[in-house]
PDB file of N, CA and C in Angstrom:
ATOM      1  N   UNK A   1    -137.757  27.660  17.359  1.00  0.00           N
ATOM      2  CA  UNK A   1    -138.262  28.249  18.759  1.00  0.00           C
ATOM      3  C   UNK A   1    -138.653  29.412  18.040  1.00  0.00           C
ATOM      4  N   UNK A   2    -138.565  30.048  16.726  1.00  0.00           N
ATOM      5  CA  UNK A   2    -139.162  31.120  16.174  1.00  0.00           C
ATOM      6  C   UNK A   2    -140.607  30.779  15.724  1.00  0.00           C
ATOM      7  N   UNK A   3    -140.879  29.774  15.044  1.00  0.00           N
ATOM      8  CA  UNK A   3    -141.774  28.931  14.299  1.00  0.00           C
ATOM      9  C   UNK A   3    -143.115  28.720  15.523  1.00  0.00           C
ATOM     10  N   UNK A   4    -142.292  28.671  16.799  1.00  0.00           N
ATOM     11  CA  UNK A   4    -143.615  28.256  17.945  1.00  0.00           C
ATOM     12  C   UNK A   4    -144.035  29.906  18.276  1.00  0.00           C
ATOM     13  N   UNK A   5    -142.949  30.960  18.010  1.00  0.00           N
ATOM     14  CA  UNK A   5    -143.384  31.978  18.272  1.00  0.00           C
ATOM     15  C   UNK A   5    -144.455  32.574  17.321  1.00  0.00           C
ATOM     16  N   UNK A   6    -144.253  32.187  15.662  1.00  0.00           N
ATOM     17  CA  UNK A   6    -144.813  32.774  15.200  1.00  0.00           C
ATOM     18  C   UNK A   6    -146.325  32.452  14.920  1.00  0.00           C
ATOM     19  N   UNK A   7    -146.434  30.900  15.363  1.00  0.00           N
ATOM     20  CA  UNK A   7    -147.425  30.076  15.444  1.00  0.00           C
ATOM     21  C   UNK A   7    -148.323  30.538  16.474  1.00  0.00           C
ATOM     22  N   UNK A   8    -147.891  31.333  17.620  1.00  0.00           N
ATOM     23  CA  UNK A   8    -148.589  32.019  18.762  1.00  0.00           C
ATOM     24  C   UNK A   8    -149.028  32.957  18.762  1.00  0.00           C
ATOM     25  N   UNK A   9    -148.347  33.933  17.677  1.00  0.00           N
ATOM     26  CA  UNK A   9    -148.782  35.157  17.332  1.00  0.00           C
ATOM     27  C   UNK A   9    -149.962  34.992  16.076  1.00  0.00           C
ATOM     28  N   UNK A  10    -149.691  34.037  15.529  1.00  0.00           N
ATOM     29  CA  UNK A  10    -151.242  33.958  14.515  1.00  0.00           C
ATOM     30  C   UNK A  10    -152.207  33.942  15.195  1.00  0.00           C
ATOM     31  N   UNK A  11    -151.992  33.056  16.364  1.00  0.00           N
ATOM     32  CA  UNK A  11    -153.083  32.235  17.264  1.00  0.00           C
ATOM     33  C   UNK A  11    -153.843  33.670  17.991  1.00  0.00           C
ATOM     34  N   UNK A  12    -152.802  34.091  18.382  1.00  0.00           N
ATOM     35  CA  UNK A  12    -153.318  35.242  19.250  1.00  0.00           C
ATOM     36  C   UNK A  12    -153.861  34.609  20.598  1.00  0.00           C
ATOM     37  N   UNK A  13    -154.536  35.283  21.343  1.00  0.00           N
ATOM     38  CA  UNK A  13    -154.613  34.640  22.882  1.00  0.00           C
ATOM     39  C   UNK A  13    -156.099  34.573  23.112  1.00  0.00           C
ATOM     40  N   UNK A  14    -156.880  34.050  23.745  1.00  0.00           N
ATOM     41  CA  UNK A  14    -158.324  33.562  24.133  1.00  0.00           C
ATOM     42  C   UNK A  14    -158.327  34.136  25.427  1.00  0.00           C
ATOM     43  N   UNK A  15    -159.221  35.160  25.604  1.00  0.00           N
ATOM     44  CA  UNK A  15    -159.668  35.798  26.802  1.00  0.00           C
ATOM     45  C   UNK A  15    -161.194  35.683  26.915  1.00  0.00           C
ATOM     46  N   UNK A  16    -161.276  34.421  27.851  1.00  0.00           N
ATOM     47  CA  UNK A  16    -162.782  33.878  28.340  1.00  0.00           C
ATOM     48  C   UNK A  16    -163.090  34.082  29.645  1.00  0.00           C
ATOM     49  N   UNK A  17    -162.121  34.383  30.349  1.00  0.00           N
ATOM     50  CA  UNK A  17    -162.375  33.955  31.657  1.00  0.00           C
ATOM     51  C   UNK A  17    -162.637  35.331  32.529  1.00  0.00           C
ATOM     52  N   UNK A  18    -162.188  36.433  32.094  1.00  0.00           N
ATOM     53  CA  UNK A  18    -162.963  37.571  32.454  1.00  0.00           C
ATOM     54  C   UNK A  18    -162.060  38.843  32.386  1.00  0.00           C
ATOM     55  N   UNK A  19    -162.409  39.656  33.099  1.00  0.00           N
ATOM     56  CA  UNK A  19    -161.753  40.854  32.884  1.00  0.00           C
ATOM     57  C   UNK A  19    -160.020  40.925  33.515  1.00  0.00           C
ATOM     58  N   UNK A  20    -159.698  39.762  33.779  1.00  0.00           N
ATOM     59  CA  UNK A  20    -158.390  40.029  34.347  1.00  0.00           C
ATOM     60  C   UNK A  20    -157.581  38.564  33.958  1.00  0.00           C
ATOM     61  N   UNK A  21    -156.155  38.471  33.496  1.00  0.00           N
ATOM     62  CA  UNK A  21    -155.969  37.270  32.892  1.00  0.00           C
ATOM     63  C   UNK A  21    -154.525  37.286  33.300  1.00  0.00           C
ATOM     64  N   UNK A  22    -153.978  36.222  34.057  1.00  0.00           N
ATOM     65  CA  UNK A  22    -152.372  36.042  34.547  1.00  0.00           C
ATOM     66  C   UNK A  22    -152.201  35.075  33.705  1.00  0.00           C
ATOM     67  N   UNK A  23    -151.053  35.319  33.196  1.00  0.00           N
ATOM     68  CA  UNK A  23    -150.269  34.320  32.360  1.00  0.00           C
ATOM     69  C   UNK A  23    -148.909  33.885  33.247  1.00  0.00           C
ATOM     70  N   UNK A  24    -148.842  32.665  33.441  1.00  0.00           N
ATOM     71  CA  UNK A  24    -147.786  31.971  33.899  1.00  0.00           C
ATOM     72  C   UNK A  24    -146.607  31.731  33.239  1.00  0.00           C
ATOM     73  N   UNK A  25    -145.517  32.244  32.834  1.00  0.00           N
ATOM     74  CA  UNK A  25    -144.173  31.703  32.595  1.00  0.00           C
ATOM     75  C   UNK A  25    -143.374  30.818  32.968  1.00  0.00           C
ATOM     76  N   UNK A  26    -143.967  30.241  34.241  1.00  0.00           N
ATOM     77  CA  UNK A  26    -142.870  29.230  34.826  1.00  0.00           C
ATOM     78  C   UNK A  26    -142.113  28.334  33.598  1.00  0.00           C
ATOM     79  N   UNK A  27    -142.631  27.732  32.998  1.00  0.00           N
ATOM     80  CA  UNK A  27    -142.324  26.222  32.082  1.00  0.00           C
ATOM     81  C   UNK A  27    -141.397  27.117  30.863  1.00  0.00           C
ATOM     82  N   UNK A  28    -141.662  28.320  30.617  1.00  0.00           N
ATOM     83  CA  UNK A  28    -140.672  28.989  29.392  1.00  0.00           C
ATOM     84  C   UNK A  28    -139.142  28.588  29.492  1.00  0.00           C
ATOM     85  N   UNK A  29    -138.518  28.051  28.732  1.00  0.00           N
ATOM     86  CA  UNK A  29    -137.107  28.004  28.599  1.00  0.00           C
ATOM     87  C   UNK A  29    -136.225  28.983  27.765  1.00  0.00           C
ATOM     88  N   UNK A  30    -136.236  28.698  26.437  1.00  0.00           N
ATOM     89  CA  UNK A  30    -135.263  29.613  25.456  1.00  0.00           C
ATOM     90  C   UNK A  30    -136.178  30.847  25.229  1.00  0.00           C
ATOM     91  N   UNK A  31    -135.416  31.995  25.171  1.00  0.00           N
ATOM     92  CA  UNK A  31    -136.105  32.950  24.909  1.00  0.00           C
ATOM     93  C   UNK A  31    -135.399  33.579  23.906  1.00  0.00           C
ATOM     94  N   UNK A  32    -136.119  34.378  22.826  1.00  0.00           N
ATOM     95  CA  UNK A  32    -134.728  35.675  22.163  1.00  0.00           C
ATOM     96  C   UNK A  32    -135.840  36.596  21.834  1.00  0.00           C
ATOM     97  N   UNK A  33    -135.664  37.658  21.287  1.00  0.00           N
ATOM     98  CA  UNK A  33    -136.488  38.729  20.984  1.00  0.00           C
ATOM     99  C   UNK A  33    -137.945  38.581  20.511  1.00  0.00           C
ATOM    100  N   UNK A  34    -138.186  37.582  19.615  1.00  0.00           N
ATOM    101  CA  UNK A  34    -139.298  37.346  19.335  1.00  0.00           C
ATOM    102  C   UNK A  34    -140.088  36.855  20.258  1.00  0.00           C
ATOM    103  N   UNK A  35    -139.631  36.408  21.451  1.00  0.00           N
ATOM    104  CA  UNK A  35    -140.692  35.888  22.668  1.00  0.00           C
ATOM    105  C   UNK A  35    -141.210  37.630  23.168  1.00  0.00           C
ATOM    106  N   UNK A  36    -140.028  38.097  23.462  1.00  0.00           N
ATOM    107  CA  UNK A  36    -140.526  39.711  23.917  1.00  0.00           C
ATOM    108  C   UNK A  36    -141.686  40.282  23.119  1.00  0.00           C
ATOM    109  N   UNK A  37    -141.580  40.570  21.665  1.00  0.00           N
ATOM    110  CA  UNK A  37    -142.573  40.848  20.903  1.00  0.00           C
ATOM    111  C   UNK A  37    -143.937  39.808  21.122  1.00  0.00           C
ATOM    112  N   UNK A  38    -143.661  38.637  21.469  1.00  0.00           N
ATOM    113  CA  UNK A  38    -144.873  38.120  21.712  1.00  0.00           C
ATOM    114  C   UNK A  38    -145.883  38.486  22.780  1.00  0.00           C
ATOM    115  N   UNK A  39    -145.135  38.575  23.801  1.00  0.00           N
ATOM    116  CA  UNK A  39    -145.551  39.229  25.123  1.00  0.00           C
ATOM    117  C   UNK A  39    -146.100  40.623  24.945  1.00  0.00           C
ATOM    118  N   UNK A  40    -145.767  41.465  24.239  1.00  0.00           N
ATOM    119  CA  UNK A  40    -146.060  42.800  24.302  1.00  0.00           C
ATOM    120  C   UNK A  40    -147.686  42.774  23.148  1.00  0.00           C
ATOM    121  N   UNK A  41    -147.381  41.689  22.245  1.00  0.00           N
ATOM    122  CA  UNK A  41    -148.540  41.327  21.128  1.00  0.00           C
ATOM    123  C   UNK A  41    -149.592  41.044  22.271  1.00  0.00           C
ATOM    124  N   UNK A  42    -149.611  39.998  23.096  1.00  0.00           N
ATOM    125  CA  UNK A  42    -150.457  39.602  23.917  1.00  0.00           C
ATOM    126  C   UNK A  42    -151.279  40.850  25.066  1.00  0.00           C
ATOM    127  N   UNK A  43    -150.254  41.529  25.352  1.00  0.00           N
ATOM    128  CA  UNK A  43    -150.612  42.930  26.075  1.00  0.00           C
ATOM    129  C   UNK A  43    -151.583  43.769  25.232  1.00  0.00           C
ATOM    130  N   UNK A  44    -151.240  43.957  23.857  1.00  0.00           N
ATOM    131  CA  UNK A  44    -151.704  44.878  23.004  1.00  0.00           C
ATOM    132  C   UNK A  44    -153.082  44.340  22.898  1.00  0.00           C
ATOM    133  N   UNK A  45    -153.472  42.889  22.355  1.00  0.00           N
ATOM    134  CA  UNK A  45    -154.814  42.213  22.049  1.00  0.00           C
ATOM    135  C   UNK A  45    -155.617  42.341  23.676  1.00  0.00           C
ATOM    136  N   UNK A  46    -154.903  41.880  24.754  1.00  0.00           N
ATOM    137  CA  UNK A  46    -155.898  41.977  25.934  1.00  0.00           C
ATOM    138  C   UNK A  46    -156.365  43.405  26.321  1.00  0.00           C
ATOM    139  N   UNK A  47    -155.549  44.572  25.789  1.00  0.00           N
ATOM    140  CA  UNK A  47    -155.904  45.943  26.120  1.00  0.00           C
ATOM    141  C   UNK A  47    -157.341  46.218  25.012  1.00  0.00           C
ATOM    142  N   UNK A  48    -157.104  45.702  23.962  1.00  0.00           N
ATOM    143  CA  UNK A  48    -158.204  45.644  23.037  1.00  0.00           C
ATOM    144  C   UNK A  48    -159.693  45.076  23.645  1.00  0.00           C
ATOM    145  N   UNK A  49    -159.381  44.032  24.300  1.00  0.00           N
ATOM    146  CA  UNK A  49    -160.174  43.289  24.609  1.00  0.00           C
ATOM    147  C   UNK A  49    -160.847  43.796  25.804  1.00  0.00           C
ATOM    148  N   UNK A  50    -160.360  44.693  26.491  1.00  0.00           N
ATOM    149  CA  UNK A  50    -160.714  45.167  28.151  1.00  0.00           C
ATOM    150  C   UNK A  50    -160.072  44.658  29.258  1.00  0.00           C
ATOM    151  N   UNK A  51    -159.225  43.510  28.937  1.00  0.00           N
ATOM    152  CA  UNK A  51    -158.803  43.173  30.001  1.00  0.00           C
ATOM    153  C   UNK A  51    -157.425  43.219  30.466  1.00  0.00           C
ATOM    154  N   UNK A  52    -157.222  43.139  31.562  1.00  0.00           N
ATOM    155  CA  UNK A  52    -155.812  43.557  32.275  1.00  0.00           C
ATOM    156  C   UNK A  52    -155.240  42.315  32.300  1.00  0.00           C
ATOM    157  N   UNK A  53    -153.938  42.244  31.853  1.00  0.00           N
ATOM    158  CA  UNK A  53    -153.070  41.263  31.387  1.00  0.00           C
ATOM    159  C   UNK A  53    -152.118  41.119  32.304  1.00  0.00           C
ATOM    160  N   UNK A  54    -151.235  40.341  33.408  1.00  0.00           N
ATOM    161  CA  UNK A  54    -150.156  40.240  33.670  1.00  0.00           C
ATOM    162  C   UNK A  54    -148.989  39.241  33.498  1.00  0.00           C
ATOM    163  N   UNK A  55    -148.010  38.958  33.487  1.00  0.00           N
ATOM    164  CA  UNK A  55    -146.874  38.008  33.654  1.00  0.00           C
ATOM    165  C   UNK A  55    -146.923  37.396  35.121  1.00  0.00           C
ATOM    166  N   UNK A  56    -146.535  36.221  35.194  1.00  0.00           N
ATOM    167  CA  UNK A  56    -145.846  36.029  36.333  1.00  0.00           C
ATOM    168  C   UNK A  56    -144.673  34.698  36.044  1.00  0.00           C
ATOM    169  N   UNK A  57    -143.864  35.012  36.982  1.00  0.00           N
ATOM    170  CA  UNK A  57    -142.688  33.536  37.257  1.00  0.00           C
ATOM    171  C   UNK A  57    -141.762  33.912  35.850  1.00  0.00           C
ATOM    172  N   UNK A  58    -141.589  35.116  35.867  1.00  0.00           N
ATOM    173  CA  UNK A  58    -140.774  35.367  34.486  1.00  0.00           C
ATOM    174  C   UNK A  58    -139.317  34.630  34.549  1.00  0.00           C
ATOM    175  N   UNK A  59    -138.999  34.105  33.572  1.00  0.00           N
ATOM    176  CA  UNK A  59    -137.570  33.218  34.001  1.00  0.00           C
ATOM    177  C   UNK A  59    -136.403  34.333  33.670  1.00  0.00           C
ATOM    178  N   UNK A  60    -135.533  34.025  34.080  1.00  0.00           N
ATOM    179  CA  UNK A  60    -134.472  35.260  34.365  1.00  0.00           C
ATOM    180  C   UNK A  60    -133.979  35.381  33.208  1.00  0.00           C
ATOM    181  N   UNK A  61    -133.784  34.528  32.076  1.00  0.00           N
ATOM    182  CA  UNK A  61    -132.979  34.779  30.663  1.00  0.00           C
ATOM    183  C   UNK A  61    -134.290  35.407  29.886  1.00  0.00           C
ATOM    184  N   UNK A  62    -135.617  35.807  30.597  1.00  0.00           N
ATOM    185  CA  UNK A  62    -136.479  36.727  29.766  1.00  0.00           C
ATOM    186  C   UNK A  62    -136.216  38.141  30.546  1.00  0.00           C
ATOM    187  N   UNK A  63    -136.389  38.235  31.498  1.00  0.00           N
ATOM    188  CA  UNK A  63    -135.802  39.127  32.424  1.00  0.00           C
ATOM    189  C   UNK A  63    -134.621  39.776  32.091  1.00  0.00           C
ATOM    190  N   UNK A  64    -133.836  39.297  31.643  1.00  0.00           N
ATOM    191  CA  UNK A  64    -132.264  39.842  31.467  1.00  0.00           C
ATOM    192  C   UNK A  64    -132.436  40.549  29.959  1.00  0.00           C
ATOM    193  N   UNK A  65    -132.874  39.786  29.130  1.00  0.00           N
ATOM    194  CA  UNK A  65    -133.432  40.035  27.890  1.00  0.00           C
ATOM    195  C   UNK A  65    -134.244  41.263  27.370  1.00  0.00           C
ATOM    196  N   UNK A  66    -135.480  41.722  28.611  1.00  0.00           N
ATOM    197  CA  UNK A  66    -135.936  42.820  28.471  1.00  0.00           C
ATOM    198  C   UNK A  66    -135.444  43.828  29.182  1.00  0.00           C
ATOM    199  N   UNK A  67    -134.518  43.517  30.293  1.00  0.00           N
ATOM    200  CA  UNK A  67    -133.598  44.675  30.865  1.00  0.00           C
ATOM    201  C   UNK A  67    -132.701  44.950  29.615  1.00  0.00           C
ATOM    202  N   UNK A  68    -132.358  44.412  28.813  1.00  0.00           N
ATOM    203  CA  UNK A  68    -131.018  44.834  27.891  1.00  0.00           C
ATOM    204  C   UNK A  68    -131.624  45.638  26.823  1.00  0.00           C
ATOM    205  N   UNK A  69    -133.143  45.180  26.779  1.00  0.00           N
ATOM    206  CA  UNK A  69    -133.994  46.093  25.459  1.00  0.00           C
ATOM    207  C   UNK A  69    -134.196  47.214  26.021  1.00  0.00           C
ATOM    208  N   UNK A  70    -134.344  47.475  27.506  1.00  0.00           N
ATOM    209  CA  UNK A  70    -134.782  48.563  28.028  1.00  0.00           C
ATOM    210  C   UNK A  70    -136.446  48.583  27.975  1.00  0.00           C
ATOM    211  N   UNK A  71    -137.157  47.316  28.235  1.00  0.00           N
ATOM    212  CA  UNK A  71    -138.330  47.586  28.136  1.00  0.00           C
ATOM    213  C   UNK A  71    -139.173  46.546  29.461  1.00  0.00           C
ATOM    214  N   UNK A  72    -137.970  46.155  30.395  1.00  0.00           N
ATOM    215  CA  UNK A  72    -138.432  45.693  31.457  1.00  0.00           C
ATOM    216  C   UNK A  72    -139.671  46.154  32.246  1.00  0.00           C
ATOM    217  N   UNK A  73    -139.935  47.287  32.233  1.00  0.00           N
ATOM    218  CA  UNK A  73    -140.770  48.307  33.072  1.00  0.00           C
ATOM    219  C   UNK A  73    -142.129  48.208  32.273  1.00  0.00           C
ATOM    220  N   UNK A  74    -142.007  48.186  30.865  1.00  0.00           N
ATOM    221  CA  UNK A  74    -143.014  47.744  30.218  1.00  0.00           C
ATOM    222  C   UNK A  74    -144.121  46.525  30.536  1.00  0.00           C
ATOM    223  N   UNK A  75    -143.078  45.338  30.605  1.00  0.00           N
ATOM    224  CA  UNK A  75    -144.088  44.037  30.849  1.00  0.00           C
ATOM    225  C   UNK A  75    -144.788  44.675  32.302  1.00  0.00           C
ATOM    226  N   UNK A  76    -146.070  44.287  32.152  1.00  0.00           N
ATOM    227  CA  UNK A  76    -146.952  43.893  33.022  1.00  0.00           C
ATOM    228  C   UNK A  76    -146.815  42.959  34.018  1.00  0.00           C
ATOM    229  N   UNK A  77    -145.639  42.701  35.298  1.00  0.00           N
ATOM    230  CA  UNK A  77    -145.511  41.620  35.667  1.00  0.00           C
ATOM    231  C   UNK A  77    -146.494  41.640  37.458  1.00  0.00           C
ATOM    232  N   UNK A  78    -146.973  40.415  37.598  1.00  0.00           N
ATOM    233  CA  UNK A  78    -147.565  40.116  38.461  1.00  0.00           C
ATOM    234  C   UNK A  78    -146.531  40.206  40.141  1.00  0.00           C
ATOM    235  N   UNK A  79    -146.571  40.644  40.894  1.00  0.00           N
ATOM    236  CA  UNK A  79    -145.688  41.018  41.851  1.00  0.00           C
ATOM    237  C   UNK A  79    -145.387  39.517  42.604  1.00  0.00           C
ATOM    238  N   UNK A  80    -144.357  39.001  43.098  1.00  0.00           N
ATOM    239  CA  UNK A  80    -144.050  37.842  43.329  1.00  0.00           C
ATOM    240  C   UNK A  80    -144.432  37.849  44.873  1.00  0.00           C
ATOM    241  N   UNK A  81    -144.994  36.780  45.574  1.00  0.00           N
ATOM    242  CA  UNK A  81    -145.889  36.620  46.675  1.00  0.00           C
ATOM    243  C   UNK A  81    -144.412  36.916  48.000  1.00  0.00           C
ATOM    244  N   UNK A  82    -144.479  37.717  49.167  1.00  0.00           N
ATOM    245  CA  UNK A  82    -143.897  37.709  49.891  1.00  0.00           C
ATOM    246  C   UNK A  82    -143.729  36.449  50.758  1.00  0.00           C
ATOM    247  N   UNK A  83    -142.771  35.876  50.625  1.00  0.00           N
ATOM    248  CA  UNK A  83    -142.543  34.734  52.036  1.00  0.00           C
ATOM    249  C   UNK A  83    -142.766  35.067  53.173  1.00  0.00           C
ATOM    250  N   UNK A  84    -143.394  34.113  54.045  1.00  0.00           N
ATOM    251  CA  UNK A  84    -143.857  34.315  55.264  1.00  0.00           C
ATOM    252  C   UNK A  84    -142.829  33.252  56.232  1.00  0.00           C
TER     253      UNK A  84
END
């Protein structure tokens, strides 16, 4: 897992679709503190490029870890749709 995070950090993100980017985390399985670091690094990179980045479908374990570290309110999360 850590090797995957290090690879993603080294690659950065590619913002080519405009001023807004939403990253869907629905397929994310295991997370650790490196995952939290990666998410914040992507926010930093997006901000530097003038892009508004948000995350959607955060898995419960990621939300729990962010809460534990006290950074849950700092993650830009797309509001969940209201069911009809």
